[in-house]
């Protein structure tokens, strides 16, 4: 059974699983109605994001990856969180693992010391676009770490 899990994790780390990228693309498409003008920052990690269909606003806490919408209440990455990613380049912890850093962490879980270095998981080409700037939320020191990474979207 351990071989199976190592194989699955290695497959994910090597970008052979398309589901995370497809999920992120679908949610970013649903979040097209959102922009920096209609999202309100409440605290360093909390935002009010408007509903697409009503006047309701959902509170999104990106430090823990929770939104007050039906999907987000249960820990799912939702379109409101995708809107925060799109508008502010902030990556909540429950976002699909499409960055090189996320895939490297999975490889370390699967392979331990045998995992390739982070540079191995960087994209070989940018597809004509510049790498997007993605900020990962580090709640331990209440700051946002910034790194360049290809989002593959």
N, C-alpha and C. Protein backbone atom coordinates (compact mmCIF):
# COMPACT_ATOMS: atom_id res chain seq x y z
N UNK A 1 0.82 -1.19 0.00
CA UNK A 1 0.00 0.00 0.00
C UNK A 1 0.87 1.26 0.00
N UNK A 2 2.01 1.19 0.69
CA UNK A 2 2.88 2.36 0.75
C UNK A 2 3.40 2.72 -0.64
N UNK A 3 3.73 1.72 -1.44
CA UNK A 3 4.20 1.98 -2.82
C UNK A 3 3.14 2.74 -3.62
N UNK A 4 1.90 2.36 -3.44
CA UNK A 4 0.79 3.01 -4.14
C UNK A 4 0.75 4.50 -3.79
N UNK A 5 0.79 4.81 -2.49
CA UNK A 5 0.70 6.21 -2.06
C UNK A 5 1.91 7.01 -2.51
N UNK A 6 3.09 6.41 -2.45
CA UNK A 6 4.29 7.09 -2.94
C UNK A 6 4.14 7.38 -4.43
N UNK A 7 3.63 6.43 -5.18
CA UNK A 7 3.43 6.61 -6.61
C UNK A 7 2.44 7.74 -6.90
N UNK A 8 1.34 7.77 -6.16
CA UNK A 8 0.33 8.82 -6.36
C UNK A 8 0.88 10.20 -6.00
N UNK A 9 1.59 10.29 -4.87
CA UNK A 9 2.17 11.57 -4.47
C UNK A 9 3.23 12.03 -5.47
N UNK A 10 4.04 11.11 -5.94
CA UNK A 10 5.07 11.45 -6.94
C UNK A 10 4.40 11.94 -8.22
N UNK A 11 3.33 11.29 -8.62
CA UNK A 11 2.60 11.69 -9.82
C UNK A 11 2.07 13.11 -9.68
N UNK A 12 1.52 13.43 -8.51
CA UNK A 12 1.03 14.78 -8.25
C UNK A 12 2.18 15.77 -8.27
N UNK A 13 3.25 15.46 -7.59
CA UNK A 13 4.39 16.37 -7.50
C UNK A 13 4.98 16.67 -8.87
N UNK A 14 4.93 15.71 -9.76
CA UNK A 14 5.49 15.89 -11.10
C UNK A 14 4.49 16.44 -12.10
N UNK A 15 3.40 17.02 -11.61
CA UNK A 15 2.37 17.67 -12.43
C UNK A 15 1.69 16.73 -13.41
N UNK A 16 1.54 15.49 -13.05
CA UNK A 16 0.84 14.57 -13.92
C UNK A 16 -0.65 14.50 -13.59
N UNK A 17 -1.04 15.13 -12.49
CA UNK A 17 -2.44 15.20 -12.10
C UNK A 17 -2.99 16.55 -12.55
N UNK A 18 -3.97 16.55 -13.41
CA UNK A 18 -4.51 17.80 -13.96
C UNK A 18 -5.66 18.37 -13.12
N UNK A 19 -6.23 17.57 -12.24
CA UNK A 19 -7.40 18.01 -11.48
C UNK A 19 -7.17 19.31 -10.70
N UNK A 20 -6.04 19.47 -9.99
CA UNK A 20 -5.85 20.74 -9.27
C UNK A 20 -5.82 21.96 -10.19
N UNK A 21 -5.15 21.85 -11.34
CA UNK A 21 -5.10 22.97 -12.28
C UNK A 21 -6.47 23.26 -12.86
N UNK A 22 -7.22 22.22 -13.19
CA UNK A 22 -8.56 22.40 -13.75
C UNK A 22 -9.50 23.03 -12.73
N UNK A 23 -9.41 22.59 -11.47
CA UNK A 23 -10.23 23.18 -10.41
C UNK A 23 -9.91 24.66 -10.26
N UNK A 24 -8.63 24.99 -10.20
CA UNK A 24 -8.24 26.39 -10.05
C UNK A 24 -8.71 27.22 -11.24
N UNK A 25 -8.56 26.71 -12.45
CA UNK A 25 -9.02 27.43 -13.63
C UNK A 25 -10.52 27.67 -13.58
N UNK A 26 -11.28 26.66 -13.19
CA UNK A 26 -12.75 26.79 -13.13
C UNK A 26 -13.16 27.83 -12.10
N UNK A 27 -12.52 27.81 -10.93
CA UNK A 27 -12.89 28.77 -9.89
C UNK A 27 -12.45 30.18 -10.24
N UNK A 28 -11.31 30.33 -10.90
CA UNK A 28 -10.88 31.66 -11.34
C UNK A 28 -11.84 32.21 -12.39
N UNK A 29 -12.36 31.33 -13.24
CA UNK A 29 -13.35 31.77 -14.24
C UNK A 29 -14.63 32.24 -13.55
N UNK A 30 -15.07 31.50 -12.53
CA UNK A 30 -16.26 31.90 -11.77
C UNK A 30 -16.05 33.21 -11.02
N UNK A 31 -14.79 33.51 -10.69
CA UNK A 31 -14.47 34.72 -9.91
C UNK A 31 -14.17 35.92 -10.80
N UNK A 32 -14.45 35.82 -12.10
CA UNK A 32 -14.16 36.93 -13.01
C UNK A 32 -14.90 38.22 -12.65
N UNK A 33 -16.03 38.11 -11.99
CA UNK A 33 -16.81 39.29 -11.62
C UNK A 33 -16.15 40.08 -10.48
N UNK A 34 -15.17 39.49 -9.81
CA UNK A 34 -14.52 40.14 -8.68
C UNK A 34 -13.33 40.99 -9.13
N UNK A 35 -13.14 42.12 -8.44
CA UNK A 35 -11.97 42.96 -8.69
C UNK A 35 -11.60 43.65 -7.38
N UNK A 36 -10.50 44.37 -7.38
CA UNK A 36 -10.02 45.00 -6.15
C UNK A 36 -10.97 46.07 -5.64
N UNK A 37 -11.83 46.60 -6.49
CA UNK A 37 -12.78 47.63 -6.07
C UNK A 37 -13.97 47.09 -5.29
N UNK A 38 -14.37 45.84 -5.56
CA UNK A 38 -15.55 45.32 -4.86
C UNK A 38 -15.21 44.35 -3.72
N UNK A 39 -13.92 44.16 -3.44
CA UNK A 39 -13.49 43.35 -2.30
C UNK A 39 -12.95 44.29 -1.23
N UNK A 40 -13.41 44.12 0.01
CA UNK A 40 -13.00 44.98 1.11
C UNK A 40 -12.06 44.24 2.04
N UNK A 41 -10.90 44.82 2.29
CA UNK A 41 -9.95 44.23 3.25
C UNK A 41 -10.36 44.67 4.65
N UNK A 42 -10.55 43.71 5.55
CA UNK A 42 -10.95 43.99 6.92
C UNK A 42 -9.73 43.97 7.84
N UNK A 43 -8.95 42.89 7.77
CA UNK A 43 -7.70 42.76 8.52
C UNK A 43 -6.63 42.26 7.56
N UNK A 44 -5.45 41.94 8.10
CA UNK A 44 -4.37 41.44 7.25
C UNK A 44 -4.76 40.17 6.50
N UNK A 45 -5.62 39.34 7.11
CA UNK A 45 -5.98 38.07 6.50
C UNK A 45 -7.46 37.92 6.19
N UNK A 46 -8.27 38.91 6.50
CA UNK A 46 -9.71 38.81 6.34
C UNK A 46 -10.23 39.81 5.32
N UNK A 47 -11.10 39.33 4.43
CA UNK A 47 -11.67 40.15 3.36
C UNK A 47 -13.17 39.92 3.31
N UNK A 48 -13.92 40.93 2.86
CA UNK A 48 -15.34 40.79 2.56
C UNK A 48 -15.48 40.74 1.05
N UNK A 49 -16.03 39.63 0.57
CA UNK A 49 -16.15 39.39 -0.87
C UNK A 49 -17.63 39.32 -1.23
N UNK A 50 -18.07 40.11 -2.22
CA UNK A 50 -19.49 40.11 -2.57
C UNK A 50 -19.92 38.82 -3.27
N UNK A 51 -21.18 38.50 -3.03
CA UNK A 51 -21.80 37.38 -3.73
C UNK A 51 -22.07 37.82 -5.17
N UNK A 52 -22.07 36.87 -6.06
CA UNK A 52 -22.36 37.18 -7.47
C UNK A 52 -23.86 37.38 -7.69
N UNK A 53 -24.68 36.70 -6.89
CA UNK A 53 -26.12 36.68 -7.15
C UNK A 53 -26.96 37.52 -6.20
N UNK A 54 -26.37 37.99 -5.11
CA UNK A 54 -27.16 38.78 -4.16
C UNK A 54 -26.29 39.91 -3.60
N UNK A 55 -26.87 40.67 -2.69
CA UNK A 55 -26.13 41.76 -2.05
C UNK A 55 -25.31 41.28 -0.86
N UNK A 56 -25.35 40.00 -0.60
CA UNK A 56 -24.62 39.43 0.53
C UNK A 56 -23.11 39.51 0.31
N UNK A 57 -22.37 39.67 1.42
CA UNK A 57 -20.90 39.65 1.37
C UNK A 57 -20.42 38.51 2.24
N UNK A 58 -19.45 37.77 1.73
CA UNK A 58 -18.89 36.63 2.46
C UNK A 58 -17.56 37.03 3.06
N UNK A 59 -17.36 36.66 4.31
CA UNK A 59 -16.09 36.91 4.97
C UNK A 59 -15.14 35.77 4.62
N UNK A 60 -13.97 36.12 4.12
CA UNK A 60 -12.96 35.14 3.73
C UNK A 60 -11.74 35.36 4.62
N UNK A 61 -11.31 34.30 5.30
CA UNK A 61 -10.08 34.35 6.10
C UNK A 61 -9.04 33.51 5.38
N UNK A 62 -8.09 34.17 4.73
CA UNK A 62 -7.12 33.45 3.92
C UNK A 62 -6.04 32.78 4.75
N UNK A 63 -5.92 33.13 6.03
CA UNK A 63 -4.89 32.49 6.86
C UNK A 63 -5.23 31.03 7.14
N UNK A 64 -6.51 30.69 7.16
CA UNK A 64 -6.93 29.31 7.40
C UNK A 64 -7.70 28.71 6.23
N UNK A 65 -7.99 29.51 5.21
CA UNK A 65 -8.69 29.01 4.04
C UNK A 65 -10.16 28.75 4.27
N UNK A 66 -10.84 29.70 4.90
CA UNK A 66 -12.27 29.54 5.16
C UNK A 66 -13.03 30.73 4.61
N UNK A 67 -14.18 30.44 4.01
CA UNK A 67 -15.09 31.45 3.52
C UNK A 67 -16.45 31.16 4.15
N UNK A 68 -17.27 32.16 4.32
CA UNK A 68 -18.58 31.96 4.94
C UNK A 68 -19.64 31.50 3.94
N UNK A 69 -19.26 31.25 2.68
CA UNK A 69 -20.22 30.68 1.72
C UNK A 69 -20.41 29.20 2.04
N UNK A 70 -21.37 28.56 1.42
CA UNK A 70 -21.67 27.15 1.72
C UNK A 70 -20.46 26.25 1.49
N UNK A 71 -19.77 26.40 0.40
CA UNK A 71 -18.61 25.54 0.11
C UNK A 71 -17.46 25.86 1.07
N UNK A 72 -17.20 27.14 1.27
CA UNK A 72 -16.07 27.57 2.09
C UNK A 72 -16.19 27.24 3.56
N UNK A 73 -17.42 27.17 4.07
CA UNK A 73 -17.64 26.84 5.48
C UNK A 73 -17.08 25.47 5.82
N UNK A 74 -17.03 24.61 4.84
CA UNK A 74 -16.57 23.23 5.06
C UNK A 74 -15.12 23.04 4.65
N UNK A 75 -14.40 24.15 4.41
CA UNK A 75 -12.98 24.06 4.11
C UNK A 75 -12.62 23.91 2.65
N UNK A 76 -13.64 23.91 1.78
CA UNK A 76 -13.35 23.81 0.35
C UNK A 76 -12.81 25.13 -0.18
N UNK A 77 -11.93 25.05 -1.15
CA UNK A 77 -11.45 26.25 -1.83
C UNK A 77 -12.58 26.70 -2.75
N UNK A 78 -13.07 27.94 -2.56
CA UNK A 78 -14.24 28.41 -3.29
C UNK A 78 -13.88 29.58 -4.22
N UNK A 79 -14.86 30.04 -4.99
CA UNK A 79 -14.61 31.13 -5.94
C UNK A 79 -14.29 32.44 -5.24
N UNK A 80 -14.76 32.61 -4.01
CA UNK A 80 -14.47 33.84 -3.28
C UNK A 80 -12.99 33.87 -2.87
N UNK A 81 -12.47 32.71 -2.47
CA UNK A 81 -11.04 32.61 -2.18
C UNK A 81 -10.22 32.75 -3.46
N UNK A 82 -10.74 32.19 -4.56
CA UNK A 82 -10.07 32.34 -5.85
C UNK A 82 -10.02 33.82 -6.25
N UNK A 83 -11.06 34.56 -5.89
CA UNK A 83 -11.07 36.00 -6.16
C UNK A 83 -9.97 36.73 -5.40
N UNK A 84 -9.72 36.31 -4.17
CA UNK A 84 -8.63 36.90 -3.39
C UNK A 84 -7.30 36.57 -4.05
N UNK A 85 -7.14 35.34 -4.51
CA UNK A 85 -5.93 34.94 -5.22
C UNK A 85 -5.76 35.78 -6.49
N UNK A 86 -6.84 35.92 -7.24
CA UNK A 86 -6.81 36.67 -8.51
C UNK A 86 -6.48 38.14 -8.30
N UNK A 87 -7.12 38.75 -7.33
CA UNK A 87 -6.99 40.21 -7.14
C UNK A 87 -5.79 40.63 -6.31
N UNK A 88 -5.42 39.82 -5.32
CA UNK A 88 -4.36 40.22 -4.39
C UNK A 88 -3.16 39.27 -4.39
N UNK A 89 -3.21 38.22 -5.21
CA UNK A 89 -2.13 37.23 -5.29
C UNK A 89 -1.81 36.59 -3.95
N UNK A 90 -2.85 36.37 -3.14
CA UNK A 90 -2.67 35.72 -1.85
C UNK A 90 -3.18 34.29 -1.94
N UNK A 91 -2.34 33.36 -1.58
CA UNK A 91 -2.63 31.95 -1.73
C UNK A 91 -3.02 31.34 -0.38
N UNK A 92 -4.31 31.02 -0.17
CA UNK A 92 -4.71 30.39 1.10
C UNK A 92 -4.17 28.97 1.19
N UNK A 93 -4.09 28.42 2.41
CA UNK A 93 -3.51 27.08 2.57
C UNK A 93 -4.31 25.96 1.91
N UNK A 94 -5.59 26.17 1.64
CA UNK A 94 -6.40 25.11 1.04
C UNK A 94 -6.53 25.25 -0.48
N UNK A 95 -5.75 26.14 -1.07
CA UNK A 95 -5.78 26.31 -2.54
C UNK A 95 -5.19 25.06 -3.20
N UNK A 96 -5.66 24.75 -4.41
CA UNK A 96 -5.08 23.61 -5.12
C UNK A 96 -3.58 23.78 -5.27
N UNK A 97 -2.84 22.71 -5.08
CA UNK A 97 -1.37 22.76 -5.12
C UNK A 97 -0.83 22.82 -6.53
N UNK A 98 -0.81 23.98 -7.13
CA UNK A 98 -0.30 24.10 -8.50
C UNK A 98 1.05 24.79 -8.57
N UNK A 99 1.52 25.35 -7.46
CA UNK A 99 2.81 26.04 -7.48
C UNK A 99 3.94 25.02 -7.34
N UNK A 100 5.11 25.41 -7.76
CA UNK A 100 6.29 24.55 -7.64
C UNK A 100 6.57 24.25 -6.17
N UNK A 101 6.38 25.24 -5.31
CA UNK A 101 6.63 25.05 -3.88
C UNK A 101 5.68 23.98 -3.31
N UNK A 102 4.41 24.03 -3.68
CA UNK A 102 3.44 23.04 -3.19
C UNK A 102 3.79 21.64 -3.70
N UNK A 103 4.16 21.56 -4.96
CA UNK A 103 4.51 20.24 -5.52
C UNK A 103 5.79 19.70 -4.89
N UNK A 104 6.73 20.58 -4.56
CA UNK A 104 7.96 20.15 -3.90
C UNK A 104 7.64 19.60 -2.50
N UNK A 105 6.75 20.27 -1.76
CA UNK A 105 6.37 19.77 -0.43
C UNK A 105 5.77 18.38 -0.52
N UNK A 106 4.93 18.14 -1.54
CA UNK A 106 4.34 16.81 -1.72
C UNK A 106 5.42 15.78 -2.04
N UNK A 107 6.39 16.15 -2.85
CA UNK A 107 7.49 15.24 -3.18
C UNK A 107 8.29 14.88 -1.93
N UNK A 108 8.50 15.83 -1.05
CA UNK A 108 9.22 15.56 0.20
C UNK A 108 8.43 14.59 1.06
N UNK A 109 7.10 14.73 1.09
CA UNK A 109 6.26 13.79 1.84
C UNK A 109 6.41 12.39 1.25
N UNK A 110 6.40 12.30 -0.07
CA UNK A 110 6.47 10.99 -0.73
C UNK A 110 7.85 10.37 -0.69
N UNK A 111 8.89 11.18 -0.88
CA UNK A 111 10.23 10.64 -1.10
C UNK A 111 11.23 10.96 -0.01
N UNK A 112 10.88 11.84 0.90
CA UNK A 112 11.80 12.20 1.97
C UNK A 112 13.06 12.86 1.42
N UNK A 113 14.21 12.40 1.87
CA UNK A 113 15.50 12.98 1.45
C UNK A 113 15.80 12.74 -0.03
N UNK A 114 15.11 11.81 -0.65
CA UNK A 114 15.36 11.51 -2.06
C UNK A 114 14.64 12.49 -3.01
N UNK A 115 13.83 13.38 -2.46
CA UNK A 115 13.11 14.35 -3.29
C UNK A 115 14.10 15.29 -3.96
N UNK A 116 13.77 15.67 -5.18
CA UNK A 116 14.60 16.62 -5.92
C UNK A 116 14.49 17.99 -5.25
N UNK A 117 15.46 18.88 -5.49
CA UNK A 117 15.38 20.23 -4.92
C UNK A 117 14.23 21.02 -5.56
N UNK A 118 13.85 22.11 -4.91
CA UNK A 118 12.75 22.95 -5.39
C UNK A 118 12.92 23.36 -6.85
N UNK A 119 14.13 23.64 -7.27
CA UNK A 119 14.38 24.08 -8.64
C UNK A 119 13.91 23.05 -9.67
N UNK A 120 13.90 21.78 -9.30
CA UNK A 120 13.44 20.72 -10.19
C UNK A 120 11.96 20.88 -10.55
N UNK A 121 11.18 21.44 -9.63
CA UNK A 121 9.74 21.57 -9.81
C UNK A 121 9.33 22.89 -10.45
N UNK A 122 10.29 23.77 -10.71
CA UNK A 122 10.00 25.02 -11.40
C UNK A 122 9.62 24.69 -12.85
N UNK A 123 8.73 25.48 -13.46
CA UNK A 123 8.34 25.22 -14.85
C UNK A 123 9.52 25.41 -15.80
N UNK A 124 9.52 24.63 -16.86
CA UNK A 124 10.59 24.74 -17.85
C UNK A 124 10.40 25.95 -18.75
N UNK A 125 9.15 26.34 -18.93
CA UNK A 125 8.87 27.51 -19.76
C UNK A 125 7.68 28.25 -19.17
N UNK A 126 7.59 29.52 -19.53
CA UNK A 126 6.52 30.35 -19.00
C UNK A 126 5.31 30.42 -19.91
N UNK A 127 5.38 29.83 -21.06
CA UNK A 127 4.25 29.89 -21.98
C UNK A 127 4.03 31.28 -22.55
N UNK A 128 5.10 32.09 -22.60
CA UNK A 128 4.98 33.43 -23.15
C UNK A 128 4.66 34.48 -22.12
N UNK A 129 4.12 34.07 -20.97
CA UNK A 129 3.79 35.02 -19.92
C UNK A 129 4.93 35.07 -18.91
N UNK A 130 5.01 36.17 -18.19
CA UNK A 130 5.96 36.27 -17.10
C UNK A 130 5.42 35.43 -15.95
N UNK A 131 6.31 34.88 -15.09
CA UNK A 131 5.81 34.14 -13.92
C UNK A 131 4.95 35.06 -13.06
N UNK A 132 3.87 34.52 -12.55
CA UNK A 132 2.99 35.32 -11.71
C UNK A 132 3.57 35.42 -10.31
N UNK A 133 3.31 36.51 -9.65
CA UNK A 133 3.77 36.72 -8.28
C UNK A 133 2.70 36.19 -7.35
N UNK A 134 3.04 35.17 -6.58
CA UNK A 134 2.07 34.57 -5.66
C UNK A 134 2.60 34.74 -4.26
N UNK A 135 1.76 35.17 -3.36
CA UNK A 135 2.13 35.38 -1.96
C UNK A 135 1.49 34.30 -1.12
N UNK A 136 2.31 33.55 -0.39
CA UNK A 136 1.77 32.53 0.49
C UNK A 136 1.59 33.12 1.87
N UNK A 137 0.51 32.76 2.50
CA UNK A 137 0.18 33.30 3.81
C UNK A 137 0.93 32.50 4.86
N UNK A 138 1.72 33.19 5.68
CA UNK A 138 2.44 32.57 6.79
C UNK A 138 1.85 33.10 8.08
N UNK A 139 0.97 32.31 8.69
CA UNK A 139 0.25 32.79 9.87
C UNK A 139 1.10 32.76 11.13
N UNK A 140 2.23 32.04 11.11
CA UNK A 140 3.06 31.96 12.30
C UNK A 140 3.67 33.30 12.68
N UNK A 141 4.03 34.11 11.67
CA UNK A 141 4.59 35.41 12.00
C UNK A 141 3.72 36.55 11.48
N UNK A 142 2.48 36.25 11.13
CA UNK A 142 1.49 37.24 10.68
C UNK A 142 1.98 38.10 9.52
N UNK A 143 2.75 37.51 8.63
CA UNK A 143 3.20 38.23 7.45
C UNK A 143 2.83 37.45 6.22
N UNK A 144 3.06 38.06 5.10
CA UNK A 144 2.83 37.39 3.82
C UNK A 144 4.17 37.24 3.14
N UNK A 145 4.54 36.00 2.82
CA UNK A 145 5.78 35.76 2.10
C UNK A 145 5.51 35.84 0.62
N UNK A 146 6.42 36.41 -0.10
CA UNK A 146 6.25 36.58 -1.53
C UNK A 146 7.30 35.78 -2.26
N UNK A 147 6.89 35.11 -3.33
CA UNK A 147 7.85 34.43 -4.19
C UNK A 147 7.30 34.36 -5.59
N UNK A 148 8.21 34.36 -6.55
CA UNK A 148 7.78 34.22 -7.94
C UNK A 148 7.59 32.74 -8.22
N UNK A 149 6.52 32.42 -8.91
CA UNK A 149 6.24 31.04 -9.24
C UNK A 149 5.25 31.02 -10.40
N UNK A 150 5.35 30.01 -11.20
CA UNK A 150 4.40 29.86 -12.31
C UNK A 150 3.14 29.23 -11.75
N UNK A 151 2.03 29.84 -11.96
CA UNK A 151 0.78 29.34 -11.41
C UNK A 151 0.16 28.27 -12.30
N UNK A 152 0.66 28.12 -13.51
CA UNK A 152 0.17 27.09 -14.44
C UNK A 152 -1.32 27.20 -14.71
N UNK A 153 -1.83 28.41 -14.80
CA UNK A 153 -3.25 28.55 -15.08
C UNK A 153 -3.46 29.22 -16.42
